[in-house]
Amino acid sequence: MLKTTLRGYQREAVRRAILHSGFAFFPEQRTGKCLCSLAVADHVKPDIILIICPKKALRVWSSELDKHLDLDWDCYVRYVHYEAAVRNAQDRRRYYRLATKWKKQGRSIMVIVDEVHRCKKRGTRNSRFIRTLGKRAAFRLALTGTPIAQGHKDAWAIFDFVEPGALGARWEDFESDYLEIETKKNWQSGKEYSKILGPKNEAEFNEIFHYYSYRITLAEARRAEGLPAARIRHKKVMFDLKPSSREVYEDLEENLETEVNGWPINTPLVLTLSMKLQQIAGGFVIQDERVPGQKRKKRQVHTVGGEKLAKLSGILKRPELKRKKLVICCRFKHEIARIGELLEEQGTTWKIISGKNEYNGEFDTRVIILQVQSGEAIDLSAANTYIYYSWNESLINYEQARFRVQAFDTEQVNYWYLMARDTVDEIKFEAVVKKKDLATLVCDHYRRAA
């Protein structure tokens, strides 16, 4: 029995989901995807509920189930995080055998996959695991607020789990029906490869996409409950690099090599150029130097300048922010260390959330430094000011991280973006915005137009 009363839009999501054996909840974060999933489980009452989620979300799911659902039927619930399920072939086979045994015993299985965007790349272990397991389940639910990040191609693997065959029984079918493909030849090897030019048959794709999924934005959900949309303010904080930093930046950009404090810095791969330019814009650069006779590399961090850190220091001293809780998001470990030193100097309490520093659920400091890829399944809504010190090109990381400071009843959030003028900082910001525009087009514009 469900112990929590659903909001109107949640009832609509559940109503649509129970019409299918497989369905996807794609609402934005903070709209209650977990609750909707538990409401579906309460309706279909499976014998087995298998919840697959990130490791840090295990505690969240256990808490949500205890809070919202009274298992008043004979049901076994099992939680498993991605890393434990797919770390090797033996573990994957163990879950396949277990699901097969349950199915042969006549027991109905519901598989709930949280943060299913982790499975969008069809060749990864996560993707193959959930799709194979899904074929043994009577009911399948996929959950994420960011289903489309790189383009329409992200949808196939997710929907191959949700409703196999809905967007093509094989990737080749999906590719043929919904993607414009150009065959090109590698000028070095002579081998042919396929390049995706864009989508095709978009009307049909969007009809299927929204037939098997439910989407609502946080602003829409608030309005549906009679609340105004939260006031979201974005502010670019621009600054100029000093001449010495600019010289290093332009030297590396043009020549793929430069010198910092007497040390040669180079980037033999153009693919790593963007990352090193971003480091220089942030006041440092990392050099990986090979150790003679060994495979490992010796990592050295060289200081270039302190312009971005000085800008952050000024922001933290602003009177309107002085006593408020803040989240500072950054990409590199060295940035975390430098920001930590700055906070110590200012007498500010702080802690880190990163791969090695898990969040205990308590926002008991003035500042939390969040590494951008660690923004899943945590609640930082005690703060309403979010400072992007640096970020990467991933829309998923960006969206997951920025929603941490929003709750359903949040009235206002302020986002600050620190950007060195005429650098890759601006380029990375625009890259994320363009991906967000594409995701909004697929997930929201076509849904509203239907």
Protein backbone atom coordinates (compact mmCIF):
# COMPACT_ATOMS: atom_id res chain seq x y z
CA MET A 1 0.00 0.00 0.00
CA LEU A 2 1.31 3.43 -0.93
CA LYS A 3 1.68 5.58 2.19
CA THR A 4 2.17 8.90 0.37
CA THR A 5 -0.46 10.83 -1.55
CA LEU A 6 0.65 11.46 -5.12
CA ARG A 7 0.57 14.89 -6.68
CA GLY A 8 -1.62 15.32 -9.75
CA TYR A 9 1.17 15.06 -12.31
CA GLN A 10 2.56 12.00 -10.49
CA ARG A 11 -0.82 10.28 -10.75
CA GLU A 12 -0.78 10.99 -14.49
CA ALA A 13 2.73 9.53 -14.79
CA VAL A 14 1.70 6.36 -12.96
CA ARG A 15 -1.56 6.07 -14.95
CA ARG A 16 0.42 6.07 -18.19
CA ALA A 17 3.11 3.72 -16.91
CA ILE A 18 0.77 0.93 -15.83
CA LEU A 19 -0.57 0.64 -19.39
CA HIS A 20 2.81 -0.84 -20.43
CA SER A 21 5.12 -3.62 -19.34
CA GLY A 22 8.03 -1.24 -19.86
CA PHE A 23 8.07 2.51 -19.33
CA ALA A 24 10.47 5.41 -18.73
CA PHE A 25 10.18 8.26 -16.26
CA PHE A 26 12.13 11.23 -17.65
CA PRO A 27 11.01 14.12 -15.38
CA GLU A 28 13.56 16.65 -14.26
CA GLN A 29 15.19 16.08 -10.92
CA ARG A 30 13.19 16.88 -7.78
CA THR A 31 9.83 15.90 -9.26
CA GLY A 32 9.55 12.49 -7.55
CA LYS A 33 10.68 9.73 -9.93
CA CYS A 34 11.30 7.31 -7.05
CA LEU A 35 7.82 7.82 -5.64
CA CYS A 36 6.22 7.27 -9.06
CA SER A 37 8.18 4.04 -9.48
CA LEU A 38 7.07 2.76 -6.08
CA ALA A 39 3.47 3.66 -6.95
CA VAL A 40 3.74 1.56 -10.12
CA ALA A 41 5.19 -1.31 -8.06
CA ASP A 42 2.27 -1.02 -5.65
CA HIS A 43 -0.15 -1.28 -8.57
CA VAL A 44 1.40 -4.30 -10.34
CA LYS A 45 2.58 -5.98 -7.09
CA PRO A 46 5.48 -8.02 -8.49
CA ASP A 47 7.01 -10.90 -6.56
CA ILE A 48 10.53 -9.51 -7.02
CA ILE A 49 11.67 -5.89 -7.22
CA LEU A 50 15.25 -5.49 -8.43
CA ILE A 51 16.51 -1.89 -8.15
CA ILE A 52 19.69 -1.02 -10.06
CA CYS A 53 21.19 2.36 -9.25
CA PRO A 54 24.45 4.23 -8.57
CA LYS A 55 26.19 3.19 -5.35
CA LYS A 56 25.47 6.50 -3.60
CA ALA A 57 21.74 6.09 -4.37
CA LEU A 58 21.35 2.78 -2.51
CA ARG A 59 20.65 4.56 0.77
CA VAL A 60 18.22 6.92 -0.98
CA TRP A 61 16.19 4.08 -2.46
CA SER A 62 16.05 2.18 0.83
CA SER A 63 14.89 5.32 2.61
CA GLU A 64 12.31 6.15 -0.08
CA LEU A 65 10.83 2.66 0.03
CA ASP A 66 10.50 2.72 3.83
CA LYS A 67 8.96 6.19 3.66
CA HIS A 68 6.47 5.71 0.82
CA LEU A 69 5.57 2.03 0.42
CA ASP A 70 4.10 -0.58 2.74
CA LEU A 71 4.85 -3.97 1.20
CA ASP A 72 1.50 -5.52 2.04
CA TRP A 73 2.06 -8.40 -0.38
CA ASP A 74 4.70 -11.11 -0.55
CA CYS A 75 7.57 -9.30 -2.23
CA TYR A 76 11.34 -9.57 -2.16
CA VAL A 77 13.29 -6.35 -2.80
CA ARG A 78 16.92 -6.43 -3.84
CA TYR A 79 19.19 -3.43 -4.38
CA VAL A 80 22.31 -3.56 -6.51
CA HIS A 81 24.60 -0.77 -7.65
CA TYR A 82 26.07 -0.70 -11.14
CA GLU A 83 29.64 -1.31 -10.08
CA ALA A 84 28.76 -4.51 -8.18
CA ALA A 85 26.55 -5.84 -10.96
CA VAL A 86 28.87 -5.39 -13.93
CA ARG A 87 32.42 -5.48 -12.54
CA ASN A 88 33.07 -8.85 -14.17
CA ALA A 89 31.37 -11.53 -16.28
CA GLN A 90 30.90 -13.79 -13.28
CA ASP A 91 28.81 -11.19 -11.42
CA ARG A 92 26.68 -10.48 -14.49
CA ARG A 93 26.02 -14.18 -15.06
CA ARG A 94 25.06 -14.55 -11.41
CA TYR A 95 22.23 -12.04 -11.82
CA TYR A 96 21.16 -13.56 -15.13
CA ARG A 97 20.92 -17.01 -13.51
CA LEU A 98 19.06 -15.58 -10.54
CA ALA A 99 16.51 -13.82 -12.75
CA THR A 100 16.12 -16.94 -14.89
CA LYS A 101 15.49 -19.05 -11.78
CA TRP A 102 12.86 -16.61 -10.50
CA LYS A 103 11.15 -16.61 -13.87
CA LYS A 104 11.08 -20.43 -14.04
CA GLN A 105 9.54 -20.46 -10.58
CA GLY A 106 6.70 -18.36 -11.98
CA ARG A 107 7.65 -15.30 -9.95
CA SER A 108 7.07 -11.92 -11.61
CA ILE A 109 10.08 -9.60 -11.71
CA MET A 110 10.12 -5.81 -11.84
CA VAL A 111 13.45 -4.21 -12.75
CA ILE A 112 13.84 -0.52 -11.89
CA VAL A 113 16.93 1.13 -13.37
CA ASP A 114 17.77 4.49 -11.85
CA GLU A 115 20.01 7.01 -13.66
CA VAL A 116 19.55 4.97 -16.81
CA HIS A 117 21.56 7.52 -18.80
CA ARG A 118 24.54 5.48 -17.61
CA CYS A 119 23.37 2.80 -20.03
CA LYS A 120 22.84 4.88 -23.18
CA LYS A 121 26.02 3.64 -24.89
CA ARG A 122 24.95 0.29 -26.27
CA GLY A 123 28.36 -1.39 -26.06
CA THR A 124 29.07 -0.72 -22.37
CA ARG A 125 28.75 -3.30 -19.63
CA ASN A 126 25.99 -1.30 -17.94
CA SER A 127 23.96 -1.19 -21.13
CA ARG A 128 24.35 -4.84 -22.05
CA PHE A 129 23.59 -5.88 -18.46
CA ILE A 130 20.28 -4.05 -18.04
CA ARG A 131 19.06 -4.97 -21.53
CA THR A 132 19.81 -8.65 -20.99
CA LEU A 133 18.26 -8.61 -17.53
CA GLY A 134 15.23 -6.73 -18.81
CA LYS A 135 14.34 -9.58 -21.15
CA ARG A 136 13.75 -11.76 -18.06
CA ALA A 137 11.49 -9.19 -16.35
CA ALA A 138 7.74 -8.83 -16.54
CA PHE A 139 7.92 -5.10 -15.74
CA ARG A 140 10.64 -2.59 -16.53
CA LEU A 141 11.06 1.01 -15.42
CA ALA A 142 13.86 3.34 -16.54
CA LEU A 143 14.52 6.58 -14.64
CA THR A 144 16.58 9.63 -15.55
CA GLY A 145 16.13 13.36 -15.89
CA THR A 146 18.66 13.49 -18.74
CA PRO A 147 17.79 10.88 -21.38
CA ILE A 148 19.14 12.79 -24.38
CA ALA A 149 22.58 14.36 -24.09
CA GLN A 150 24.52 13.72 -27.30
CA GLY A 151 21.57 13.30 -29.65
CA HIS A 152 18.88 10.87 -30.76
CA LYS A 153 21.37 7.97 -30.72
CA ASP A 154 21.25 8.04 -26.88
CA ALA A 155 17.68 6.73 -26.93
CA TRP A 156 18.14 3.34 -28.55
CA ALA A 157 19.81 1.41 -25.73
CA ILE A 158 17.45 2.88 -23.11
CA PHE A 159 14.38 1.90 -25.13
CA ASP A 160 15.84 -1.51 -25.93
CA PHE A 161 15.53 -2.09 -22.18
CA VAL A 162 12.16 -0.35 -21.74
CA GLU A 163 10.34 -1.89 -24.72
CA PRO A 164 12.59 -4.01 -26.95
CA GLY A 165 11.87 -3.35 -30.60
CA ALA A 166 10.06 -0.05 -30.06
CA LEU A 167 12.87 1.87 -31.78
CA GLY A 168 14.19 -1.09 -33.72
CA ALA A 169 15.04 -4.62 -32.65
CA ARG A 170 18.72 -4.00 -33.47
CA TRP A 171 20.92 -0.93 -33.51
CA GLU A 172 21.23 -1.30 -37.28
CA ASP A 173 17.44 -0.99 -37.59
CA PHE A 174 17.41 2.17 -35.47
CA GLU A 175 20.33 3.57 -37.43
CA SER A 176 18.56 2.91 -40.72
CA ASP A 177 15.19 4.31 -39.63
CA TYR A 178 16.10 7.32 -37.51
CA LEU A 179 19.61 8.54 -38.33
CA GLU A 180 21.13 10.20 -41.37
CA ILE A 181 24.38 8.31 -41.95
CA GLU A 182 27.32 9.17 -44.16
CA THR A 183 29.94 6.56 -45.00
CA LYS A 184 33.47 7.97 -44.89
CA LYS A 185 36.92 6.53 -45.36
CA ASN A 186 39.88 6.92 -43.01
CA TRP A 187 42.62 8.58 -45.05
CA GLN A 188 45.36 6.66 -43.21
CA SER A 189 43.99 3.12 -42.97
CA GLY A 190 41.54 3.25 -45.86
CA LYS A 191 38.85 1.66 -43.65
CA GLU A 192 35.28 2.86 -44.02
CA TYR A 193 33.28 4.13 -41.06
CA SER A 194 29.87 5.67 -40.48
CA LYS A 195 29.34 9.27 -39.39
CA ILE A 196 26.01 10.44 -37.97
CA LEU A 197 24.89 13.62 -39.72
CA GLY A 198 21.65 14.06 -37.79
CA PRO A 199 18.19 12.59 -37.18
CA LYS A 200 15.50 11.64 -39.65
CA ASN A 201 11.85 10.56 -39.36
CA GLU A 202 11.72 12.80 -36.29
CA ALA A 203 7.91 12.83 -36.02
CA GLU A 204 7.81 9.03 -35.75
CA PHE A 205 10.76 8.98 -33.33
CA ASN A 206 9.16 11.58 -31.07
CA GLU A 207 5.81 9.80 -31.07
CA ILE A 208 7.42 6.54 -29.89
CA PHE A 209 9.74 8.35 -27.46
CA HIS A 210 6.84 10.03 -25.65
CA TYR A 211 4.43 7.09 -25.92
CA TYR A 212 6.71 4.97 -23.73
CA SER A 213 7.85 7.76 -21.42
CA TYR A 214 6.61 10.53 -19.17
CA ARG A 215 8.36 13.88 -18.94
CA ILE A 216 7.69 17.01 -16.92
CA THR A 217 10.00 19.86 -15.97
CA LEU A 218 10.35 21.07 -12.40
CA ALA A 219 8.80 24.41 -13.38
CA GLU A 220 5.80 22.64 -14.95
CA ALA A 221 5.42 20.42 -11.89
CA ARG A 222 5.37 23.44 -9.57
CA ARG A 223 2.77 25.20 -11.72
CA ALA A 224 0.65 22.04 -11.75
CA GLU A 225 0.57 22.25 -7.95
CA GLY A 226 -0.35 25.93 -7.96
CA LEU A 227 3.17 27.21 -7.26
CA PRO A 228 5.02 29.74 -9.39
CA ALA A 229 8.17 28.56 -11.15
CA ALA A 230 11.28 29.08 -9.08
CA ARG A 231 13.30 32.17 -9.94
CA ILE A 232 16.46 30.90 -11.64
CA ARG A 233 19.18 33.47 -12.16
CA HIS A 234 22.28 32.79 -14.24
CA LYS A 235 25.19 35.18 -14.05
CA LYS A 236 28.43 35.05 -16.03
CA VAL A 237 31.33 36.40 -14.01
CA MET A 238 33.94 37.36 -16.59
CA PHE A 239 37.56 38.20 -15.91
CA ASP A 240 40.70 38.79 -17.97
CA LEU A 241 43.85 36.71 -17.84
CA LYS A 242 46.99 38.62 -16.94
CA PRO A 243 49.48 39.11 -19.80
CA SER A 244 51.77 36.34 -18.48
CA SER A 245 48.89 33.84 -18.27
CA ARG A 246 47.53 34.93 -21.66
CA GLU A 247 50.95 34.36 -23.24
CA VAL A 248 51.10 30.80 -21.91
CA TYR A 249 47.50 30.16 -23.01
CA GLU A 250 47.98 31.41 -26.57
CA ASP A 251 51.35 29.70 -26.94
CA LEU A 252 49.84 26.30 -26.09
CA GLU A 253 46.75 26.97 -28.20
CA GLU A 254 48.75 27.85 -31.31
CA ASN A 255 51.81 25.61 -31.01
CA LEU A 256 50.59 22.75 -28.78
CA GLU A 257 53.51 23.46 -26.49
CA THR A 258 54.62 26.16 -24.07
CA GLU A 259 56.78 26.72 -21.01
CA VAL A 260 55.68 27.35 -17.41
CA ASN A 261 58.23 28.32 -14.76
CA GLY A 262 60.98 26.80 -16.86
CA TRP A 263 59.11 23.53 -17.41
CA PRO A 264 58.12 22.45 -20.94
CA ILE A 265 54.39 21.75 -21.32
CA ASN A 266 53.04 20.08 -24.42
CA THR A 267 49.94 18.31 -25.59
CA PRO A 268 50.74 15.83 -28.39
CA LEU A 269 47.04 15.05 -28.82
CA VAL A 270 44.71 17.79 -29.99
CA LEU A 271 41.97 16.05 -27.96
CA THR A 272 43.74 16.97 -24.70
CA LEU A 273 44.36 20.56 -25.76
CA SER A 274 40.94 21.74 -24.58
CA MET A 275 41.49 20.27 -21.12
CA LYS A 276 44.93 21.85 -20.69
CA LEU A 277 43.67 25.22 -21.92
CA GLN A 278 40.91 25.02 -19.34
CA GLN A 279 43.50 24.30 -16.66
CA ILE A 280 45.53 27.37 -17.68
CA ALA A 281 42.40 29.52 -17.58
CA GLY A 282 41.99 28.24 -14.02
CA GLY A 283 45.54 29.20 -13.05
CA PHE A 284 47.48 25.94 -13.31
CA VAL A 285 48.50 23.19 -15.69
CA ILE A 286 49.16 19.50 -15.08
CA GLN A 287 52.20 17.87 -16.62
CA ASP A 288 52.40 14.09 -16.94
CA GLU A 289 56.06 13.17 -17.27
CA ARG A 290 57.18 9.63 -18.06
CA VAL A 291 59.44 7.96 -15.51
CA PRO A 292 62.39 6.30 -17.32
CA GLY A 293 62.06 2.52 -17.35
CA GLN A 294 58.52 2.55 -15.95
CA LYS A 295 55.05 2.63 -17.45
CA ARG A 296 53.67 5.03 -14.84
CA LYS A 297 53.88 8.77 -15.18
CA LYS A 298 54.98 11.36 -12.67
CA ARG A 299 52.35 14.07 -12.30
CA GLN A 300 53.42 17.63 -11.59
CA VAL A 301 51.17 20.65 -11.16
CA HIS A 302 52.53 24.03 -12.23
CA THR A 303 50.98 27.33 -11.18
CA VAL A 304 50.25 29.72 -14.05
CA GLY A 305 48.27 32.47 -12.34
CA GLY A 306 45.65 33.19 -9.72
CA GLU A 307 43.08 35.25 -11.59
CA LYS A 308 40.13 32.85 -11.28
CA LEU A 309 40.86 32.09 -7.63
CA ALA A 310 41.05 35.82 -6.88
CA LYS A 311 37.68 36.31 -8.58
CA LEU A 312 36.17 33.55 -6.46
CA SER A 313 37.66 35.11 -3.33
CA GLY A 314 35.92 38.38 -4.15
CA ILE A 315 32.59 36.64 -4.67
CA LEU A 316 32.82 34.81 -1.36
CA LYS A 317 33.35 38.14 0.43
CA ARG A 318 30.26 39.76 -1.04
CA PRO A 319 27.99 40.96 1.81
CA GLU A 320 24.86 39.21 0.43
CA LEU A 321 26.67 35.86 0.39
CA LYS A 322 28.76 36.11 3.52
CA ARG A 323 26.51 34.02 5.79
CA LYS A 324 24.82 31.88 3.16
CA LYS A 325 25.53 28.25 2.34
CA LEU A 326 27.18 27.80 -1.05
CA VAL A 327 28.08 25.03 -3.46
CA ILE A 328 31.21 25.44 -5.57
CA CYS A 329 31.43 23.06 -8.51
CA CYS A 330 34.72 22.31 -10.25
CA ARG A 331 36.30 19.72 -12.50
CA PHE A 332 39.88 19.14 -11.37
CA LYS A 333 41.25 17.80 -8.09
CA HIS A 334 43.89 20.52 -7.97
CA GLU A 335 41.14 23.15 -8.11
CA ILE A 336 39.47 21.52 -5.13
CA ALA A 337 42.74 21.74 -3.18
CA ARG A 338 43.30 25.41 -4.08
CA ILE A 339 39.72 26.38 -3.26
CA GLY A 340 40.03 24.53 0.05
CA GLU A 341 43.15 26.52 0.92
CA LEU A 342 41.33 29.75 0.09
CA LEU A 343 38.39 28.82 2.32
CA GLU A 344 40.75 27.95 5.15
CA GLU A 345 42.40 31.38 4.84
CA GLN A 346 38.98 33.03 5.02
CA GLY A 347 38.00 30.97 8.06
CA THR A 348 35.16 29.28 6.19
CA THR A 349 34.00 25.74 6.98
CA TRP A 350 33.93 23.43 3.98
CA LYS A 351 33.95 19.83 2.81
CA ILE A 352 34.33 17.93 -0.43
CA ILE A 353 32.01 15.68 -2.43
CA SER A 354 33.95 13.66 -4.98
CA GLY A 355 34.62 10.07 -6.01
CA LYS A 356 36.76 9.55 -2.90
CA ASN A 357 34.67 11.72 -0.59
CA GLU A 358 31.09 10.50 -0.41
CA TYR A 359 28.35 12.75 0.92
CA ASN A 360 26.95 11.77 4.32
CA GLY A 361 23.72 13.67 3.72
CA GLU A 362 24.56 16.50 6.14
CA PHE A 363 25.15 20.02 4.81
CA ASP A 364 26.92 20.98 8.04
CA THR A 365 29.47 23.43 6.60
CA ARG A 366 29.10 26.82 4.95
CA VAL A 367 30.57 25.61 1.65
CA ILE A 368 30.53 22.30 -0.18
CA ILE A 369 32.99 21.78 -3.02
CA LEU A 370 31.41 19.39 -5.53
CA GLN A 371 33.42 17.68 -8.23
CA VAL A 372 31.22 18.00 -11.30
CA GLN A 373 30.93 14.27 -12.06
CA SER A 374 29.82 13.47 -8.47
CA GLY A 375 26.44 15.20 -8.59
CA GLU A 376 24.12 12.18 -8.66
CA ALA A 377 21.57 11.29 -5.97
CA ILE A 378 22.48 13.94 -3.39
CA ASP A 379 20.49 16.80 -1.85
CA LEU A 380 22.26 20.14 -1.44
CA SER A 381 19.11 22.27 -1.39
CA ALA A 382 20.17 23.90 1.90
CA ALA A 383 22.11 26.22 -0.43
CA ASN A 384 20.53 28.43 -3.07
CA THR A 385 23.75 29.81 -4.55
CA TYR A 386 25.79 27.63 -6.88
CA ILE A 387 29.16 28.72 -8.26
CA TYR A 388 30.56 26.96 -11.32
CA TYR A 389 34.33 27.30 -11.01
CA SER A 390 34.86 24.90 -13.93
CA TRP A 391 32.98 22.13 -15.70
CA ASN A 392 33.37 19.67 -18.55
CA GLU A 393 31.46 19.15 -21.80
CA SER A 394 29.03 16.59 -20.36
CA LEU A 395 25.42 17.78 -20.30
CA ILE A 396 24.56 14.92 -17.94
CA ASN A 397 27.21 15.97 -15.41
CA TYR A 398 26.13 19.59 -15.75
CA GLU A 399 22.42 18.88 -15.27
CA GLN A 400 22.91 16.37 -12.46
CA ALA A 401 25.20 18.78 -10.61
CA ARG A 402 23.12 21.94 -11.00
CA PHE A 403 19.88 20.37 -9.77
CA ARG A 404 21.46 19.42 -6.45
CA VAL A 405 20.61 22.83 -4.99
CA GLN A 406 16.98 22.70 -6.06
CA ALA A 407 14.12 21.15 -4.13
CA PHE A 408 10.46 21.06 -5.15
CA ASP A 409 9.67 24.05 -2.93
CA THR A 410 12.82 26.09 -3.72
CA GLU A 411 11.87 29.69 -4.47
CA GLN A 412 15.11 31.01 -5.98
CA VAL A 413 18.48 29.70 -7.13
CA ASN A 414 21.46 31.77 -8.23
CA TYR A 415 24.00 30.22 -10.62
CA TRP A 416 27.35 31.97 -11.07
CA TYR A 417 29.75 30.96 -13.87
CA LEU A 418 33.40 31.99 -13.56
CA MET A 419 34.82 32.41 -17.05
CA ALA A 420 38.12 33.76 -18.32
CA ARG A 421 37.30 36.02 -21.24
CA ASP A 422 38.19 34.75 -24.74
CA THR A 423 39.16 31.27 -23.50
CA VAL A 424 37.88 27.72 -23.65
CA ASP A 425 35.75 28.50 -20.55
CA GLU A 426 33.30 30.31 -22.82
CA ILE A 427 33.45 27.57 -25.44
CA LYS A 428 32.64 24.84 -22.90
CA PHE A 429 29.73 26.85 -21.57
CA GLU A 430 28.28 27.27 -25.07
CA ALA A 431 28.84 23.57 -25.82
CA VAL A 432 26.78 22.53 -22.80
CA VAL A 433 24.06 25.06 -23.63
CA LYS A 434 23.77 23.73 -27.19
CA LYS A 435 23.41 20.16 -25.92
CA LYS A 436 20.77 21.38 -23.48
CA ASP A 437 18.92 23.06 -26.34
CA LEU A 438 18.86 19.74 -28.23
CA ALA A 439 17.68 17.85 -25.14
CA THR A 440 14.95 20.43 -24.54
CA LEU A 441 13.84 20.13 -28.17
CA VAL A 442 13.45 16.34 -27.99
CA CYS A 443 12.20 16.01 -24.42
CA ASP A 444 10.02 19.08 -24.05
CA HIS A 445 9.22 20.95 -27.27
CA TYR A 446 7.90 17.94 -29.20
CA ARG A 447 6.08 16.66 -26.12
CA ARG A 448 4.23 19.96 -25.73
CA ALA A 449 3.49 20.13 -29.45
CA ALA A 450 1.94 16.64 -29.49
